Amino acid sequence: MPHDLVLETKDLSKHYGNTHALDGLSFGVARGSIFGFLGPNGAGKTTTFSILCGFVRPSGGEAWVLGQPVGRVRSLGARLSALPQDARFVPSRSVGDSLRYLAELGGLPRHRIADEVDRVLSVVGLKDADGVRGKALSHGMAKRFGLAQAFLGQPELVLLDEPTEGLDPRNAEQVRRVIRELAASATVVVSSHNLTEVQDLCDHAAILSKGKLVTTGSMEELTATDEQVVISLGPGSRDPRPALQGLAFIEDARWDEAGLRLRLDLRLSPKQSPEAAITEALRILIAQNATISTVRRGQALQERFLRVT
């Protein structure tokens, strides 16, 4: 396992009878990244997490977590942490007591427990909820409490399964902010159906479909930020493509008359920057009296996801 990777799988498979939950899965997660793990229902995301945590044995292939084969992953102790999507907490135990118990269970030295519990509660915004019982937590508070548990003791690798599922936009953004802050000291793998969230939160991602890896790479590679630009024009705009015909770096131009959107696929020379190319296209459009509403570089991650799954 390369030193710069905290997680790696090679030809990993898991069969349940005739059902192939995973089929030859190979990917790696670089140390220090926030890595998105994407796929439709039944793609194999939960199965992969279960194998990496040592809960399920693979049918074939290999996987390593923090340098250890998955058969010995439990020896990692508090270096590895995971938060399942439907994590439940003891309803009668307070937030603080639960965290102190988990810290002790995870082997954290007793003289460090109080400070560590205070630290994670402060980061997730629950410092004033130390004495609140689990049954009294709102859904948003429970999600943040789960993050406090997952990052307790400063693990090296944290696996989060749908960390913002069911949250309203304000609470979801708060949870994403917490993940960014906590990820400063850990590598984080986030499984999520929220593609906009993953595009905003993660720097790398892998997309699964039917147990197989269909693509992986940096977010810039997956969204092709240097290869595509979408320009939205103002009301009453006409097809702007004729004005751009003389630009050699435009490989293809598509006009959505109903949505007033111009989508340009770029073919740039090695010395040509995307910023300069986009600026030239905008200059020509403005000279033709076009009204520019918005400019977005790259395809949305959702477009890539729908195309490959």
Protein backbone atom coordinates (compact mmCIF):
# COMPACT_ATOMS: atom_id res chain seq x y z
CA MET A 1 0.00 0.00 0.00
CA PRO A 2 1.58 3.35 -1.06
CA HIS A 3 2.54 5.64 1.82
CA ASP A 4 0.41 8.53 0.53
CA LEU A 5 -2.78 6.41 0.61
CA VAL A 6 -4.79 5.78 3.77
CA LEU A 7 -7.19 3.40 2.05
CA GLU A 8 -6.81 1.15 -0.99
CA THR A 9 -8.81 -1.66 -2.57
CA LYS A 10 -7.76 -4.02 -5.37
CA ASP A 11 -10.32 -6.18 -7.19
CA LEU A 12 -12.52 -6.19 -4.10
CA SER A 13 -15.66 -8.30 -4.43
CA LYS A 14 -18.58 -9.40 -2.30
CA HIS A 15 -21.19 -11.92 -3.37
CA TYR A 16 -24.44 -12.82 -1.68
CA GLY A 17 -25.46 -15.93 -3.54
CA ASN A 18 -25.93 -14.85 -7.15
CA THR A 19 -25.96 -11.16 -6.22
CA HIS A 20 -22.68 -9.33 -6.80
CA ALA A 21 -22.73 -6.43 -4.32
CA LEU A 22 -19.13 -5.58 -5.28
CA ASP A 23 -17.43 -6.68 -8.46
CA GLY A 24 -13.69 -5.99 -8.84
CA LEU A 25 -13.62 -2.65 -7.00
CA SER A 26 -10.23 -0.89 -7.10
CA PHE A 27 -9.61 2.64 -5.83
CA GLY A 28 -7.46 4.59 -3.38
CA VAL A 29 -7.93 7.52 -1.03
CA ALA A 30 -5.06 9.97 -0.55
CA ARG A 31 -4.02 11.07 2.91
CA GLY A 32 -5.50 14.43 3.93
CA SER A 33 -8.32 14.48 1.39
CA ILE A 34 -12.09 14.74 1.73
CA PHE A 35 -13.18 11.94 -0.58
CA GLY A 36 -16.70 11.50 -1.96
CA PHE A 37 -18.07 7.98 -2.39
CA LEU A 38 -21.02 8.11 -4.78
CA GLY A 39 -23.48 5.77 -6.43
CA PRO A 40 -27.19 5.03 -6.79
CA ASN A 41 -29.00 2.74 -4.36
CA GLY A 42 -27.55 -0.75 -4.60
CA ALA A 43 -24.23 0.45 -6.03
CA GLY A 44 -22.23 -1.15 -3.20
CA LYS A 45 -21.34 1.86 -1.04
CA THR A 46 -22.60 0.45 2.27
CA THR A 47 -21.07 -2.96 1.51
CA THR A 48 -17.72 -1.30 0.89
CA PHE A 49 -17.89 0.64 4.16
CA SER A 50 -18.86 -2.55 6.02
CA ILE A 51 -15.84 -4.39 4.62
CA LEU A 52 -13.45 -1.52 5.39
CA CYS A 53 -14.68 -1.45 9.00
CA GLY A 54 -14.22 -5.20 9.39
CA PHE A 55 -17.93 -5.94 9.79
CA VAL A 56 -18.20 -7.99 6.58
CA ARG A 57 -15.69 -10.32 4.96
CA PRO A 58 -15.00 -9.82 1.25
CA SER A 59 -15.54 -12.68 -1.18
CA GLY A 60 -12.37 -11.81 -3.07
CA GLY A 61 -9.75 -9.18 -3.72
CA GLU A 62 -7.77 -7.16 -1.21
CA ALA A 63 -8.17 -3.97 0.82
CA TRP A 64 -5.93 -2.04 3.19
CA VAL A 65 -6.86 0.60 5.74
CA LEU A 66 -4.09 2.73 7.25
CA GLY A 67 -1.59 0.15 6.11
CA GLN A 68 -3.43 -2.82 7.59
CA PRO A 69 -5.29 -5.51 5.62
CA VAL A 70 -9.01 -5.50 6.33
CA GLY A 71 -8.68 -8.78 8.20
CA ARG A 72 -6.72 -6.89 10.87
CA VAL A 73 -8.61 -3.58 10.74
CA ARG A 74 -9.81 -3.89 14.32
CA SER A 75 -6.21 -3.58 15.48
CA LEU A 76 -6.33 0.05 14.33
CA GLY A 77 -8.49 0.98 17.30
CA ALA A 78 -9.23 4.69 17.51
CA ARG A 79 -7.16 5.47 14.39
CA LEU A 80 -10.25 4.53 12.33
CA SER A 81 -13.73 5.87 12.98
CA ALA A 82 -17.06 5.42 11.17
CA LEU A 83 -20.50 6.99 11.46
CA PRO A 84 -23.33 4.90 9.97
CA GLN A 85 -26.25 6.67 8.31
CA ASP A 86 -28.76 5.51 10.92
CA ALA A 87 -26.55 5.80 14.00
CA ARG A 88 -28.52 5.57 17.23
CA PHE A 89 -27.57 6.87 20.65
CA VAL A 90 -28.58 5.72 24.14
CA PRO A 91 -31.74 7.79 24.77
CA SER A 92 -31.33 7.95 28.56
CA ARG A 93 -27.64 8.94 28.56
CA SER A 94 -26.57 12.56 28.21
CA VAL A 95 -24.46 13.82 25.32
CA GLY A 96 -21.44 14.42 27.53
CA ASP A 97 -21.70 11.08 29.36
CA SER A 98 -22.00 9.23 26.06
CA LEU A 99 -18.89 10.87 24.66
CA ARG A 100 -16.89 10.31 27.84
CA TYR A 101 -17.89 6.65 27.83
CA LEU A 102 -16.97 6.26 24.14
CA ALA A 103 -13.65 8.02 24.70
CA GLU A 104 -12.78 5.60 27.50
CA LEU A 105 -13.96 2.65 25.42
CA GLY A 106 -11.72 3.85 22.57
CA GLY A 107 -8.67 3.82 24.80
CA LEU A 108 -8.21 7.56 25.25
CA PRO A 109 -6.11 8.26 28.39
CA ARG A 110 -8.33 9.33 31.27
CA HIS A 111 -6.49 12.60 31.82
CA ARG A 112 -7.32 13.63 28.22
CA ILE A 113 -10.99 12.64 28.10
CA ALA A 114 -12.55 15.79 29.58
CA ASP A 115 -10.59 18.15 27.33
CA GLU A 116 -11.26 16.01 24.24
CA VAL A 117 -15.02 15.87 24.88
CA ASP A 118 -15.06 19.63 25.37
CA ARG A 119 -13.14 20.07 22.11
CA VAL A 120 -15.47 18.07 19.89
CA LEU A 121 -18.62 19.48 21.50
CA SER A 122 -17.33 23.00 20.87
CA VAL A 123 -16.51 22.27 17.23
CA VAL A 124 -19.95 20.81 16.49
CA GLY A 125 -21.75 23.60 18.37
CA LEU A 126 -23.08 21.44 21.22
CA LYS A 127 -21.02 22.78 24.12
CA ASP A 128 -24.21 23.83 25.91
CA ALA A 129 -25.82 20.42 25.31
CA ASP A 130 -23.45 18.40 27.50
CA GLY A 131 -26.27 17.44 29.87
CA VAL A 132 -28.98 16.92 27.23
CA ARG A 133 -30.17 13.31 26.97
CA GLY A 134 -30.06 11.51 23.64
CA LYS A 135 -33.85 11.24 23.43
CA ALA A 136 -34.16 15.05 23.59
CA LEU A 137 -31.89 15.74 20.60
CA SER A 138 -33.42 17.16 17.43
CA HIS A 139 -32.49 15.51 14.14
CA GLY A 140 -29.95 18.23 13.38
CA MET A 141 -28.42 18.02 16.87
CA ALA A 142 -28.22 14.23 16.58
CA LYS A 143 -26.28 14.54 13.31
CA ARG A 144 -23.82 16.94 14.94
CA PHE A 145 -23.56 14.67 17.99
CA GLY A 146 -22.72 11.83 15.60
CA LEU A 147 -19.91 13.90 14.10
CA ALA A 148 -18.59 14.65 17.58
CA GLN A 149 -18.51 10.91 18.23
CA ALA A 150 -16.86 10.13 14.88
CA PHE A 151 -14.02 12.62 15.38
CA LEU A 152 -13.52 11.93 19.10
CA GLY A 153 -9.86 11.24 19.85
CA GLN A 154 -8.70 12.71 16.52
CA PRO A 155 -8.77 9.56 14.33
CA GLU A 156 -6.65 9.44 11.17
CA LEU A 157 -9.46 8.17 8.92
CA VAL A 158 -13.20 8.83 9.28
CA LEU A 159 -15.95 7.19 7.21
CA LEU A 160 -19.25 9.13 7.11
CA ASP A 161 -22.37 7.57 5.61
CA GLU A 162 -24.93 10.19 4.49
CA PRO A 163 -23.97 12.73 7.19
CA THR A 164 -26.61 15.31 6.15
CA GLU A 165 -29.46 12.95 5.24
CA GLY A 166 -32.83 14.41 6.22
CA LEU A 167 -31.50 17.82 7.26
CA ASP A 168 -32.92 21.14 6.14
CA PRO A 169 -30.53 23.35 4.09
CA ARG A 170 -29.41 25.45 7.07
CA ASN A 171 -28.57 22.46 9.26
CA ALA A 172 -26.96 20.64 6.32
CA GLU A 173 -24.64 23.59 5.70
CA GLN A 174 -23.76 23.67 9.38
CA VAL A 175 -22.82 19.98 9.29
CA ARG A 176 -20.69 20.54 6.16
CA ARG A 177 -18.90 23.40 7.92
CA VAL A 178 -18.17 21.10 10.86
CA ILE A 179 -16.83 18.38 8.57
CA ARG A 180 -14.48 20.86 6.87
CA GLU A 181 -13.16 22.04 10.22
CA LEU A 182 -12.70 18.56 11.65
CA ALA A 183 -11.15 17.27 8.41
CA ALA A 184 -8.15 19.53 8.99
CA SER A 185 -6.69 16.73 11.13
CA ALA A 186 -8.08 13.63 9.39
CA THR A 187 -8.82 12.01 6.05
CA VAL A 188 -12.58 11.83 5.52
CA VAL A 189 -14.59 9.60 3.17
CA VAL A 190 -18.18 10.79 2.66
CA SER A 191 -20.87 8.56 1.17
CA SER A 192 -23.73 10.72 -0.05
CA HIS A 193 -26.62 10.95 -2.52
CA ASN A 194 -26.38 14.75 -2.45
CA LEU A 195 -24.16 15.43 -5.46
CA THR A 196 -24.19 19.20 -5.03
CA GLU A 197 -22.98 18.68 -1.49
CA VAL A 198 -20.17 16.35 -2.56
CA GLN A 199 -19.05 18.74 -5.29
CA ASP A 200 -18.89 21.55 -2.74
CA LEU A 201 -17.33 19.53 0.09
CA CYS A 202 -14.96 17.00 -1.48
CA ASP A 203 -11.72 17.38 -3.40
CA HIS A 204 -11.75 13.85 -4.86
CA ALA A 205 -14.49 11.28 -5.51
CA ALA A 206 -15.29 7.82 -6.85
CA ILE A 207 -18.54 6.87 -8.57
CA LEU A 208 -19.89 3.30 -8.33
CA SER A 209 -22.59 1.56 -10.30
CA LYS A 210 -23.76 -2.03 -9.75
CA GLY A 211 -20.76 -2.84 -7.59
CA LYS A 212 -18.19 -1.57 -10.07
CA LEU A 213 -16.08 1.56 -10.17
CA VAL A 214 -17.06 3.63 -13.20
CA THR A 215 -14.82 6.66 -12.61
CA THR A 216 -12.63 8.33 -10.01
CA GLY A 217 -10.50 11.44 -9.83
CA SER A 218 -10.17 14.94 -8.48
CA MET A 219 -13.31 17.07 -8.44
CA GLU A 220 -11.76 19.22 -11.16
CA GLU A 221 -11.26 16.14 -13.36
CA LEU A 222 -14.77 14.81 -12.71
CA THR A 223 -16.43 18.12 -13.50
CA ALA A 224 -14.09 18.95 -16.40
CA THR A 225 -13.62 22.54 -15.25
CA ASP A 226 -11.06 23.27 -17.97
CA GLU A 227 -13.12 21.72 -20.75
CA GLN A 228 -16.61 23.13 -20.45
CA VAL A 229 -18.36 26.42 -19.72
CA VAL A 230 -22.08 27.20 -19.43
CA ILE A 231 -23.16 30.79 -20.14
CA SER A 232 -26.67 31.94 -19.24
CA LEU A 233 -27.99 34.88 -21.25
CA GLY A 234 -30.66 37.44 -20.48
CA PRO A 235 -34.31 37.43 -21.69
CA GLY A 236 -34.85 37.83 -25.42
CA SER A 237 -31.39 36.55 -26.37
CA ARG A 238 -30.95 34.88 -29.75
CA ASP A 239 -28.77 31.97 -30.73
CA PRO A 240 -25.22 33.30 -30.09
CA ARG A 241 -23.35 30.48 -31.83
CA PRO A 242 -22.81 32.21 -35.21
CA ALA A 243 -20.82 34.98 -33.52
CA LEU A 244 -18.42 32.41 -32.00
CA GLN A 245 -17.71 30.37 -35.14
CA GLY A 246 -14.26 31.90 -35.64
CA LEU A 247 -12.90 30.70 -32.27
CA ALA A 248 -10.72 27.64 -32.89
CA PHE A 249 -10.72 26.57 -29.23
CA ILE A 250 -14.49 25.90 -29.23
CA GLU A 251 -14.94 22.23 -30.07
CA ASP A 252 -18.72 22.22 -29.76
CA ALA A 253 -21.42 24.76 -28.92
CA ARG A 254 -24.97 23.86 -27.86
CA TRP A 255 -27.78 26.37 -27.47
CA ASP A 256 -30.76 25.80 -25.19
CA GLU A 257 -33.26 28.31 -26.54
CA ALA A 258 -35.83 27.60 -23.85
CA GLY A 259 -33.37 27.98 -20.99
CA LEU A 260 -31.24 30.65 -22.70
CA ARG A 261 -28.10 28.65 -21.93
CA LEU A 262 -25.04 28.32 -24.14
CA ARG A 263 -22.85 25.29 -23.40
CA LEU A 264 -19.33 25.38 -24.86
CA ASP A 265 -16.93 22.43 -25.03
CA LEU A 266 -13.37 23.73 -25.16
CA ARG A 267 -10.29 22.25 -26.85
CA LEU A 268 -7.40 24.23 -25.45
CA SER A 269 -3.79 24.27 -26.63
CA PRO A 270 -1.11 23.41 -24.03
CA LYS A 271 -0.24 27.09 -23.58
CA GLN A 272 -3.82 28.39 -23.56
CA SER A 273 -5.51 29.06 -20.23
CA PRO A 274 -9.26 28.40 -19.83
CA GLU A 275 -9.67 31.85 -18.27
CA ALA A 276 -8.30 33.56 -21.39
CA ALA A 277 -10.48 31.44 -23.70
CA ILE A 278 -13.65 32.14 -21.71
CA THR A 279 -12.84 35.85 -21.57
CA GLU A 280 -12.45 35.95 -25.36
CA ALA A 281 -15.81 34.21 -25.88
CA LEU A 282 -17.53 36.62 -23.48
CA ARG A 283 -15.93 39.62 -25.20
CA ILE A 284 -17.41 38.54 -28.52
CA LEU A 285 -20.85 37.93 -27.02
CA ILE A 286 -20.90 41.33 -25.33
CA ALA A 287 -19.82 42.97 -28.59
CA GLN A 288 -22.93 41.36 -30.14
CA ASN A 289 -25.06 43.07 -27.46
CA ALA A 290 -25.70 39.82 -25.59
CA THR A 291 -26.66 40.16 -21.93
CA ILE A 292 -24.63 37.80 -19.73
CA SER A 293 -26.53 36.48 -16.72
CA THR A 294 -24.16 33.85 -15.25
CA VAL A 295 -21.01 31.96 -16.24
CA ARG A 296 -20.28 28.51 -14.81
CA ARG A 297 -17.13 26.56 -15.56
CA GLY A 298 -17.39 22.78 -15.73
CA GLN A 299 -20.29 20.39 -15.77
CA ALA A 300 -22.16 19.81 -12.55
CA LEU A 301 -21.13 16.61 -10.80
CA GLN A 302 -24.74 15.46 -11.21
CA GLU A 303 -24.33 15.58 -15.01
CA ARG A 304 -21.26 13.35 -14.82
CA PHE A 305 -23.01 11.03 -12.38
CA LEU A 306 -26.07 10.59 -14.59
CA ARG A 307 -23.90 9.98 -17.64
CA VAL A 308 -21.82 7.18 -16.12
CA THR A 309 -24.33 5.35 -13.90
